[in-house]
């Protein structure tokens, strides 16, 4: 039997989080706009998805923070014989974004299309996913434990997202169900 990497734990947690996050805004083809999504799934703590997109001369950021760990709920539900929906608090913050933010230089000026993909299927590792399109090309990539692997391009992007996510004002929406 073939082992499907898209059925791995890391992909499962990404699918669940994406289904609950803010909508990914995709640019019209050849519009010169871009869309960037970086999803962080740490072993400890809660998950975060940072979306940045352009629309003409304006840039917007959306930050989805999960108030409880999706990872923990997925792992606990696999141990349980019960099939039930899980209530999970989600905070989605959106605002306009300064064009001089350091993270923009990371994916506009560097060759983001050459970023390393090295995703593990293990449940006990930090997982990160990236999606980027410049309206001409796109990339989807994932990595596990980039700090331990010394993946400089991933580390720079991750570090810049921690600062960028502080831009939008915080808002809370509670009681979202995870779809099974």
N, C-alpha and C. Protein backbone atom coordinates (compact mmCIF):
# COMPACT_ATOMS: atom_id res chain seq x y z
N UNK A 1 0.85 -1.18 0.00
CA UNK A 1 0.00 0.00 0.00
C UNK A 1 0.88 1.23 0.00
N UNK A 2 0.58 2.20 -0.85
CA UNK A 2 1.36 3.43 -0.92
C UNK A 2 1.02 4.33 0.26
N UNK A 3 2.03 5.03 0.76
CA UNK A 3 1.84 5.95 1.86
C UNK A 3 1.57 7.34 1.28
N UNK A 4 0.36 7.83 1.42
CA UNK A 4 -0.04 9.13 0.88
C UNK A 4 0.40 10.23 1.84
N UNK A 5 1.34 11.10 1.43
CA UNK A 5 1.82 12.15 2.32
C UNK A 5 0.73 13.16 2.66
N UNK A 6 -0.30 13.29 1.82
CA UNK A 6 -1.36 14.25 2.08
C UNK A 6 -2.36 13.73 3.12
N UNK A 7 -2.19 12.51 3.58
CA UNK A 7 -3.04 11.99 4.64
C UNK A 7 -2.28 11.98 5.98
N UNK A 8 -1.13 12.59 6.00
CA UNK A 8 -0.30 12.63 7.22
C UNK A 8 -0.91 13.56 8.26
N UNK A 9 -0.42 13.44 9.48
CA UNK A 9 -0.89 14.29 10.57
C UNK A 9 -0.67 15.77 10.25
N UNK A 10 0.51 16.11 9.72
CA UNK A 10 0.80 17.51 9.42
C UNK A 10 -0.20 18.09 8.41
N UNK A 11 -0.57 17.32 7.41
CA UNK A 11 -1.55 17.79 6.45
C UNK A 11 -2.96 17.83 7.06
N UNK A 12 -3.25 16.90 7.93
CA UNK A 12 -4.57 16.89 8.57
C UNK A 12 -4.76 18.14 9.43
N UNK A 13 -3.75 18.49 10.21
CA UNK A 13 -3.87 19.68 11.06
C UNK A 13 -3.96 20.94 10.19
N UNK A 14 -3.25 20.97 9.08
CA UNK A 14 -3.31 22.13 8.18
C UNK A 14 -4.69 22.24 7.56
N UNK A 15 -5.28 21.14 7.13
CA UNK A 15 -6.62 21.16 6.53
C UNK A 15 -7.66 21.65 7.54
N UNK A 16 -7.59 21.14 8.77
CA UNK A 16 -8.55 21.55 9.80
C UNK A 16 -8.42 23.05 10.09
N UNK A 17 -7.18 23.51 10.26
CA UNK A 17 -6.96 24.93 10.57
C UNK A 17 -7.41 25.82 9.42
N UNK A 18 -7.10 25.44 8.19
CA UNK A 18 -7.50 26.25 7.03
C UNK A 18 -9.01 26.34 6.88
N UNK A 19 -9.70 25.28 7.26
CA UNK A 19 -11.16 25.31 7.14
C UNK A 19 -11.79 26.27 8.14
N UNK A 20 -11.07 26.63 9.20
CA UNK A 20 -11.59 27.54 10.23
C UNK A 20 -10.99 28.94 10.17
N UNK A 21 -9.99 29.13 9.34
CA UNK A 21 -9.29 30.41 9.31
C UNK A 21 -10.01 31.41 8.41
N UNK A 22 -9.46 32.62 8.36
CA UNK A 22 -10.01 33.61 7.44
C UNK A 22 -9.81 33.11 6.02
N UNK A 23 -10.61 33.61 5.10
CA UNK A 23 -10.54 33.17 3.71
C UNK A 23 -9.22 33.61 3.08
N UNK A 24 -8.64 32.74 2.30
CA UNK A 24 -7.42 33.07 1.57
C UNK A 24 -7.83 33.86 0.33
N UNK A 25 -7.34 35.09 0.22
CA UNK A 25 -7.69 35.95 -0.91
C UNK A 25 -6.69 35.70 -2.03
N UNK A 26 -7.17 35.21 -3.14
CA UNK A 26 -6.30 34.93 -4.29
C UNK A 26 -6.44 36.05 -5.32
N UNK A 27 -5.32 36.48 -5.89
CA UNK A 27 -5.38 37.56 -6.89
C UNK A 27 -5.87 37.06 -8.24
N UNK A 28 -6.39 37.97 -9.03
CA UNK A 28 -6.73 37.65 -10.42
C UNK A 28 -5.44 37.29 -11.16
N UNK A 29 -5.48 36.35 -12.07
CA UNK A 29 -4.26 36.00 -12.83
C UNK A 29 -3.66 37.23 -13.53
N UNK A 30 -2.34 37.30 -13.49
CA UNK A 30 -1.56 38.37 -14.14
C UNK A 30 -1.93 39.78 -13.68
N UNK A 31 -2.40 39.90 -12.45
CA UNK A 31 -2.83 41.20 -11.93
C UNK A 31 -1.72 41.97 -11.22
N UNK A 32 -0.58 41.33 -11.02
CA UNK A 32 0.55 41.89 -10.27
C UNK A 32 0.25 42.00 -8.76
N UNK A 33 -0.84 41.43 -8.32
CA UNK A 33 -1.12 41.34 -6.89
C UNK A 33 -0.55 40.03 -6.37
N UNK A 34 -0.45 39.91 -5.05
CA UNK A 34 0.10 38.69 -4.47
C UNK A 34 -0.76 38.23 -3.31
N UNK A 35 -0.57 36.98 -2.93
CA UNK A 35 -1.20 36.40 -1.76
C UNK A 35 -0.19 35.49 -1.08
N UNK A 36 -0.06 35.66 0.24
CA UNK A 36 0.92 34.92 1.04
C UNK A 36 0.19 34.36 2.26
N UNK A 37 0.41 33.10 2.56
CA UNK A 37 -0.13 32.48 3.78
C UNK A 37 0.98 31.68 4.43
N UNK A 38 1.18 31.92 5.72
CA UNK A 38 2.11 31.12 6.49
C UNK A 38 1.35 30.58 7.71
N UNK A 39 1.34 29.27 7.83
CA UNK A 39 0.62 28.59 8.92
C UNK A 39 1.63 27.97 9.87
N UNK A 40 1.44 28.24 11.17
CA UNK A 40 2.36 27.72 12.19
C UNK A 40 1.61 26.76 13.10
N UNK A 41 2.16 25.54 13.21
CA UNK A 41 1.56 24.50 14.04
C UNK A 41 2.61 23.99 15.02
N UNK A 42 2.81 24.70 16.14
CA UNK A 42 3.84 24.32 17.10
C UNK A 42 3.42 23.12 17.96
N UNK A 43 4.41 22.45 18.52
CA UNK A 43 4.13 21.35 19.45
C UNK A 43 3.43 21.90 20.69
N UNK A 44 3.99 22.97 21.23
CA UNK A 44 3.43 23.62 22.42
C UNK A 44 2.73 24.90 22.00
N UNK A 45 1.63 25.21 22.64
CA UNK A 45 0.91 26.45 22.32
C UNK A 45 -0.16 26.23 21.28
N UNK A 46 -0.64 27.33 20.74
CA UNK A 46 -1.73 27.26 19.79
C UNK A 46 -1.27 27.66 18.39
N UNK A 47 -2.08 27.32 17.44
CA UNK A 47 -1.74 27.51 16.03
C UNK A 47 -2.12 28.92 15.57
N UNK A 48 -1.39 29.40 14.56
CA UNK A 48 -1.62 30.73 13.99
C UNK A 48 -1.46 30.66 12.48
N UNK A 49 -2.32 31.40 11.78
CA UNK A 49 -2.21 31.53 10.33
C UNK A 49 -2.14 33.01 10.00
N UNK A 50 -1.11 33.39 9.25
CA UNK A 50 -0.91 34.77 8.85
C UNK A 50 -1.10 34.86 7.33
N UNK A 51 -2.05 35.70 6.92
CA UNK A 51 -2.32 35.93 5.50
C UNK A 51 -2.00 37.37 5.17
N UNK A 52 -1.27 37.59 4.08
CA UNK A 52 -0.99 38.93 3.60
C UNK A 52 -1.29 38.93 2.10
N UNK A 53 -2.06 39.92 1.66
CA UNK A 53 -2.37 39.99 0.24
C UNK A 53 -2.43 41.45 -0.22
N UNK A 54 -2.20 41.63 -1.51
CA UNK A 54 -2.28 42.97 -2.07
C UNK A 54 -3.51 43.10 -2.94
N UNK A 55 -3.97 44.34 -3.03
CA UNK A 55 -5.08 44.68 -3.91
C UNK A 55 -4.76 46.05 -4.47
N UNK A 56 -4.23 46.06 -5.68
CA UNK A 56 -3.76 47.32 -6.24
C UNK A 56 -2.56 47.82 -5.45
N UNK A 57 -2.64 49.04 -4.98
CA UNK A 57 -1.54 49.64 -4.21
C UNK A 57 -1.66 49.36 -2.71
N UNK A 58 -2.72 48.72 -2.28
CA UNK A 58 -2.95 48.47 -0.85
C UNK A 58 -2.57 47.04 -0.48
N UNK A 59 -2.12 46.89 0.76
CA UNK A 59 -1.75 45.57 1.28
C UNK A 59 -2.54 45.34 2.56
N UNK A 60 -3.00 44.12 2.75
CA UNK A 60 -3.81 43.77 3.91
C UNK A 60 -3.22 42.55 4.61
N UNK A 61 -3.43 42.50 5.93
CA UNK A 61 -3.00 41.35 6.72
C UNK A 61 -4.20 40.82 7.49
N UNK A 62 -4.26 39.51 7.57
CA UNK A 62 -5.28 38.83 8.36
C UNK A 62 -4.55 37.79 9.21
N UNK A 63 -4.85 37.79 10.51
CA UNK A 63 -4.22 36.85 11.42
C UNK A 63 -5.31 36.01 12.08
N UNK A 64 -5.21 34.70 11.92
CA UNK A 64 -6.13 33.77 12.57
C UNK A 64 -5.37 33.10 13.70
N UNK A 65 -5.88 33.28 14.92
CA UNK A 65 -5.28 32.65 16.10
C UNK A 65 -6.30 31.66 16.68
N UNK A 66 -5.86 30.47 16.93
CA UNK A 66 -6.71 29.47 17.56
C UNK A 66 -6.50 29.57 19.06
N UNK A 67 -7.59 29.72 19.81
CA UNK A 67 -7.48 29.95 21.24
C UNK A 67 -7.20 28.68 22.03
N UNK A 68 -7.43 27.54 21.41
CA UNK A 68 -7.07 26.25 21.97
C UNK A 68 -6.39 25.45 20.87
N UNK A 69 -5.56 24.54 21.26
CA UNK A 69 -4.74 23.80 20.29
C UNK A 69 -5.56 22.81 19.45
N UNK A 70 -5.50 22.99 18.15
CA UNK A 70 -6.14 22.04 17.23
C UNK A 70 -5.40 20.71 17.29
N UNK A 71 -4.08 20.78 17.40
CA UNK A 71 -3.26 19.57 17.49
C UNK A 71 -3.75 18.67 18.62
N UNK A 72 -3.95 19.26 19.80
CA UNK A 72 -4.37 18.49 20.97
C UNK A 72 -5.72 17.83 20.72
N UNK A 73 -6.66 18.58 20.13
CA UNK A 73 -7.98 18.01 19.88
C UNK A 73 -7.94 16.89 18.85
N UNK A 74 -7.13 17.04 17.83
CA UNK A 74 -7.02 15.98 16.81
C UNK A 74 -6.45 14.72 17.45
N UNK A 75 -5.38 14.88 18.22
CA UNK A 75 -4.77 13.71 18.86
C UNK A 75 -5.71 13.05 19.86
N UNK A 76 -6.45 13.85 20.64
CA UNK A 76 -7.39 13.29 21.62
C UNK A 76 -8.56 12.61 20.93
N UNK A 77 -9.02 13.17 19.80
CA UNK A 77 -10.16 12.56 19.11
C UNK A 77 -9.78 11.22 18.49
N UNK A 78 -8.51 11.04 18.14
CA UNK A 78 -8.06 9.75 17.59
C UNK A 78 -8.04 8.66 18.67
N UNK A 79 -7.88 9.07 19.93
CA UNK A 79 -7.88 8.12 21.04
C UNK A 79 -9.30 7.73 21.46
N UNK A 80 -10.27 8.57 21.11
CA UNK A 80 -11.63 8.39 21.57
C UNK A 80 -12.45 7.60 20.55
N UNK A 81 -13.42 6.85 21.05
CA UNK A 81 -14.34 6.13 20.17
C UNK A 81 -15.54 6.99 19.80
N UNK A 82 -15.67 8.15 20.42
CA UNK A 82 -16.82 9.01 20.19
C UNK A 82 -16.58 9.91 18.98
N UNK A 83 -17.62 10.10 18.20
CA UNK A 83 -17.57 10.98 17.05
C UNK A 83 -18.37 12.23 17.41
N UNK A 84 -17.68 13.33 17.66
CA UNK A 84 -18.36 14.55 18.07
C UNK A 84 -17.62 15.77 17.52
N UNK A 85 -18.37 16.87 17.39
CA UNK A 85 -17.78 18.13 16.97
C UNK A 85 -17.12 18.78 18.18
N UNK A 86 -16.06 19.49 17.93
CA UNK A 86 -15.32 20.16 18.98
C UNK A 86 -15.54 21.66 18.84
N UNK A 87 -15.89 22.31 19.95
CA UNK A 87 -16.02 23.76 19.94
C UNK A 87 -14.64 24.35 20.17
N UNK A 88 -14.26 25.26 19.29
CA UNK A 88 -12.91 25.81 19.34
C UNK A 88 -12.97 27.31 19.09
N UNK A 89 -12.44 28.10 20.03
CA UNK A 89 -12.42 29.54 19.87
C UNK A 89 -11.40 29.96 18.82
N UNK A 90 -11.80 30.89 17.97
CA UNK A 90 -10.94 31.39 16.92
C UNK A 90 -10.99 32.91 16.93
N UNK A 91 -9.84 33.53 16.83
CA UNK A 91 -9.75 34.98 16.76
C UNK A 91 -9.22 35.35 15.38
N UNK A 92 -9.94 36.20 14.67
CA UNK A 92 -9.51 36.64 13.34
C UNK A 92 -9.38 38.15 13.38
N UNK A 93 -8.18 38.64 13.09
CA UNK A 93 -7.89 40.07 13.10
C UNK A 93 -7.45 40.48 11.70
N UNK A 94 -7.98 41.61 11.22
CA UNK A 94 -7.69 42.06 9.86
C UNK A 94 -7.40 43.55 9.88
N UNK A 95 -6.41 43.97 9.09
CA UNK A 95 -6.15 45.41 8.94
C UNK A 95 -5.32 45.67 7.69
N UNK A 96 -5.19 46.94 7.35
CA UNK A 96 -4.29 47.32 6.29
C UNK A 96 -2.87 47.15 6.80
N UNK A 97 -1.93 46.95 5.90
CA UNK A 97 -0.55 46.60 6.27
C UNK A 97 0.41 47.57 5.61
N UNK A 98 1.40 48.01 6.35
CA UNK A 98 2.39 48.96 5.87
C UNK A 98 3.27 48.31 4.80
N UNK A 99 3.49 49.01 3.70
CA UNK A 99 4.29 48.48 2.59
C UNK A 99 5.77 48.38 2.93
N UNK A 100 6.20 48.92 4.07
CA UNK A 100 7.60 48.86 4.47
C UNK A 100 7.88 47.76 5.49
N UNK A 101 6.91 46.90 5.74
CA UNK A 101 7.11 45.82 6.70
C UNK A 101 8.19 44.86 6.21
N UNK A 102 9.09 44.44 7.11
CA UNK A 102 10.20 43.55 6.71
C UNK A 102 9.76 42.24 6.07
N UNK A 103 8.63 41.69 6.47
CA UNK A 103 8.21 40.41 5.90
C UNK A 103 7.94 40.53 4.40
N UNK A 104 7.49 41.69 3.94
CA UNK A 104 7.22 41.86 2.51
C UNK A 104 8.50 41.73 1.70
N UNK A 105 9.59 42.27 2.22
CA UNK A 105 10.87 42.14 1.52
C UNK A 105 11.32 40.68 1.47
N UNK A 106 10.99 39.91 2.48
CA UNK A 106 11.39 38.50 2.52
C UNK A 106 10.79 37.70 1.37
N UNK A 107 9.52 37.94 1.07
CA UNK A 107 8.95 37.11 0.00
C UNK A 107 8.83 37.82 -1.34
N UNK A 108 9.01 39.12 -1.38
CA UNK A 108 8.99 39.82 -2.67
C UNK A 108 10.39 39.91 -3.26
N UNK A 109 11.40 40.20 -2.43
CA UNK A 109 12.76 40.38 -2.94
C UNK A 109 13.59 39.11 -2.97
N UNK A 110 13.23 38.11 -2.17
CA UNK A 110 13.99 36.86 -2.20
C UNK A 110 13.31 35.91 -3.18
N UNK A 111 13.98 34.83 -3.49
CA UNK A 111 13.37 33.86 -4.40
C UNK A 111 12.58 32.85 -3.58
N UNK A 112 11.39 33.22 -3.22
CA UNK A 112 10.54 32.37 -2.39
C UNK A 112 10.16 31.08 -3.11
N UNK A 113 10.23 31.08 -4.43
CA UNK A 113 9.86 29.89 -5.18
C UNK A 113 10.90 28.78 -5.05
N UNK A 114 12.04 29.09 -4.44
CA UNK A 114 13.08 28.08 -4.20
C UNK A 114 13.10 27.59 -2.75
N UNK A 115 12.10 27.93 -1.96
CA UNK A 115 12.11 27.55 -0.54
C UNK A 115 12.08 26.03 -0.39
N UNK A 116 12.80 25.54 0.60
CA UNK A 116 12.90 24.11 0.86
C UNK A 116 11.59 23.53 1.38
N UNK A 117 11.26 22.34 0.95
CA UNK A 117 10.12 21.61 1.47
C UNK A 117 10.66 20.35 2.15
N UNK A 118 10.39 20.21 3.44
CA UNK A 118 10.92 19.06 4.20
C UNK A 118 9.96 18.77 5.35
N UNK A 119 8.81 18.25 5.02
CA UNK A 119 7.74 18.04 5.98
C UNK A 119 7.74 16.62 6.52
N UNK A 120 7.65 16.51 7.83
CA UNK A 120 7.60 15.22 8.50
C UNK A 120 6.14 14.80 8.69
N UNK A 121 5.93 13.52 8.86
CA UNK A 121 4.58 13.02 9.14
C UNK A 121 4.37 12.78 10.64
N UNK A 122 5.37 13.10 11.44
CA UNK A 122 5.30 12.84 12.88
C UNK A 122 4.38 13.83 13.60
N UNK A 123 3.76 13.37 14.68
CA UNK A 123 2.86 14.21 15.46
C UNK A 123 3.61 15.04 16.50
N UNK A 124 4.86 14.69 16.78
CA UNK A 124 5.60 15.37 17.85
C UNK A 124 6.64 16.36 17.31
N UNK A 125 6.33 16.99 16.19
CA UNK A 125 7.24 17.99 15.61
C UNK A 125 6.45 19.25 15.28
N UNK A 126 7.16 20.37 15.23
CA UNK A 126 6.58 21.64 14.80
C UNK A 126 6.43 21.60 13.28
N UNK A 127 5.25 21.99 12.79
CA UNK A 127 4.99 21.97 11.36
C UNK A 127 4.62 23.37 10.88
N UNK A 128 5.11 23.72 9.70
CA UNK A 128 4.85 25.03 9.12
C UNK A 128 4.52 24.85 7.64
N UNK A 129 3.56 25.63 7.16
CA UNK A 129 3.15 25.58 5.76
C UNK A 129 3.19 26.98 5.18
N UNK A 130 3.53 27.05 3.90
CA UNK A 130 3.60 28.32 3.19
C UNK A 130 2.88 28.19 1.87
N UNK A 131 2.11 29.21 1.54
CA UNK A 131 1.54 29.33 0.21
C UNK A 131 1.83 30.75 -0.26
N UNK A 132 2.27 30.88 -1.51
CA UNK A 132 2.52 32.21 -2.08
C UNK A 132 2.21 32.19 -3.56
N UNK A 133 1.55 33.25 -4.03
CA UNK A 133 1.39 33.46 -5.46
C UNK A 133 1.61 34.93 -5.77
N UNK A 134 2.26 35.19 -6.88
CA UNK A 134 2.47 36.56 -7.35
C UNK A 134 1.55 36.86 -8.53
N UNK A 135 0.53 36.08 -8.70
CA UNK A 135 -0.48 36.12 -9.75
C UNK A 135 0.02 35.55 -11.09
N UNK A 136 1.29 35.15 -11.12
CA UNK A 136 1.83 34.46 -12.30
C UNK A 136 2.20 33.02 -11.95
N UNK A 137 2.88 32.86 -10.83
CA UNK A 137 3.34 31.56 -10.34
C UNK A 137 2.87 31.38 -8.91
N UNK A 138 2.94 30.15 -8.44
CA UNK A 138 2.61 29.92 -7.02
C UNK A 138 3.49 28.80 -6.47
N UNK A 139 3.57 28.79 -5.15
CA UNK A 139 4.30 27.73 -4.45
C UNK A 139 3.52 27.35 -3.21
N UNK A 140 3.54 26.08 -2.91
CA UNK A 140 3.00 25.55 -1.66
C UNK A 140 4.09 24.67 -1.09
N UNK A 141 4.46 24.93 0.15
CA UNK A 141 5.58 24.20 0.74
C UNK A 141 5.31 23.96 2.23
N UNK A 142 5.96 22.97 2.78
CA UNK A 142 5.85 22.68 4.20
C UNK A 142 7.17 22.23 4.76
N UNK A 143 7.36 22.47 6.05
CA UNK A 143 8.60 22.04 6.71
C UNK A 143 8.29 21.72 8.16
N UNK A 144 9.03 20.81 8.70
CA UNK A 144 8.95 20.48 10.13
C UNK A 144 10.28 20.85 10.77
N UNK A 145 10.21 21.45 11.93
CA UNK A 145 11.39 21.82 12.73
C UNK A 145 12.47 22.57 11.93
N UNK A 146 12.14 23.70 11.30
CA UNK A 146 13.13 24.41 10.50
C UNK A 146 14.29 24.98 11.31
N UNK A 147 14.05 25.31 12.58
CA UNK A 147 15.14 25.86 13.40
C UNK A 147 16.22 24.80 13.65
N UNK A 148 15.79 23.56 13.90
CA UNK A 148 16.75 22.48 14.11
C UNK A 148 17.49 22.13 12.81
N UNK A 149 16.84 22.35 11.68
CA UNK A 149 17.45 22.03 10.38
C UNK A 149 18.25 23.21 9.82
N UNK A 150 18.22 24.34 10.52
CA UNK A 150 18.96 25.55 10.11
C UNK A 150 18.55 26.02 8.72
N UNK A 151 17.25 25.97 8.43
CA UNK A 151 16.71 26.42 7.14
C UNK A 151 16.50 27.94 7.20
N UNK A 152 17.51 28.67 6.76
CA UNK A 152 17.55 30.12 6.95
C UNK A 152 16.35 30.85 6.34
N UNK A 153 15.96 30.49 5.13
CA UNK A 153 14.85 31.20 4.50
C UNK A 153 13.55 31.00 5.27
N UNK A 154 13.30 29.80 5.76
CA UNK A 154 12.13 29.53 6.59
C UNK A 154 12.23 30.30 7.90
N UNK A 155 13.39 30.29 8.53
CA UNK A 155 13.55 30.96 9.82
C UNK A 155 13.29 32.46 9.68
N UNK A 156 13.81 33.08 8.63
CA UNK A 156 13.57 34.51 8.42
C UNK A 156 12.08 34.79 8.23
N UNK A 157 11.41 33.98 7.41
CA UNK A 157 9.97 34.18 7.21
C UNK A 157 9.19 34.01 8.51
N UNK A 158 9.50 32.95 9.24
CA UNK A 158 8.79 32.70 10.50
C UNK A 158 9.00 33.84 11.49
N UNK A 159 10.25 34.26 11.66
CA UNK A 159 10.52 35.34 12.61
C UNK A 159 9.80 36.62 12.22
N UNK A 160 9.73 36.91 10.93
CA UNK A 160 9.05 38.13 10.48
C UNK A 160 7.54 38.05 10.69
N UNK A 161 6.97 36.84 10.61
CA UNK A 161 5.52 36.73 10.85
C UNK A 161 5.15 37.01 12.28
N UNK A 162 6.06 36.70 13.22
CA UNK A 162 5.76 36.99 14.63
C UNK A 162 5.59 38.49 14.85
N UNK A 163 6.40 39.30 14.19
CA UNK A 163 6.25 40.75 14.30
C UNK A 163 5.05 41.26 13.52
N UNK A 164 4.84 40.72 12.32
CA UNK A 164 3.75 41.17 11.46
C UNK A 164 2.39 40.91 12.09
N UNK A 165 2.25 39.81 12.81
CA UNK A 165 0.93 39.47 13.35
C UNK A 165 0.48 40.43 14.45
N UNK A 166 1.37 41.29 14.94
CA UNK A 166 0.98 42.27 15.95
C UNK A 166 0.31 43.50 15.35
N UNK A 167 0.29 43.64 14.02
CA UNK A 167 -0.27 44.81 13.35
C UNK A 167 -1.78 44.95 13.51
N UNK A 168 -2.57 43.94 13.17
CA UNK A 168 -4.02 44.16 13.25
C UNK A 168 -4.53 44.16 14.70
N UNK A 169 -5.57 44.95 14.97
CA UNK A 169 -6.18 44.92 16.32
C UNK A 169 -6.79 43.55 16.59
N UNK A 170 -6.81 43.16 17.85
CA UNK A 170 -7.31 41.83 18.21
C UNK A 170 -8.83 41.83 18.28
N UNK A 171 -9.42 40.77 17.74
CA UNK A 171 -10.87 40.56 17.77
C UNK A 171 -11.11 39.10 18.11
N UNK A 172 -12.23 38.80 18.77
CA UNK A 172 -12.47 37.42 19.16
C UNK A 172 -13.83 36.94 18.66
N UNK A 173 -13.82 35.76 18.06
CA UNK A 173 -15.04 35.04 17.69
C UNK A 173 -14.92 33.68 18.35
N UNK A 174 -15.90 33.30 19.15
CA UNK A 174 -15.77 32.05 19.88
C UNK A 174 -16.80 31.04 19.43
N UNK A 175 -16.53 29.76 19.74
CA UNK A 175 -17.50 28.70 19.55
C UNK A 175 -17.60 28.20 18.12
N UNK A 176 -16.50 28.09 17.42
CA UNK A 176 -16.49 27.53 16.07
C UNK A 176 -16.35 26.01 16.20
N UNK A 177 -17.07 25.27 15.38
CA UNK A 177 -16.97 23.81 15.40
C UNK A 177 -15.94 23.35 14.37
N UNK A 178 -15.17 22.37 14.74
CA UNK A 178 -14.28 21.72 13.77
C UNK A 178 -15.14 20.73 12.99
N UNK A 179 -15.05 20.82 11.69
CA UNK A 179 -15.78 19.87 10.85
C UNK A 179 -15.00 18.59 10.73
N UNK A 180 -15.67 17.46 10.80
CA UNK A 180 -14.99 16.18 10.67
C UNK A 180 -15.19 15.61 9.31
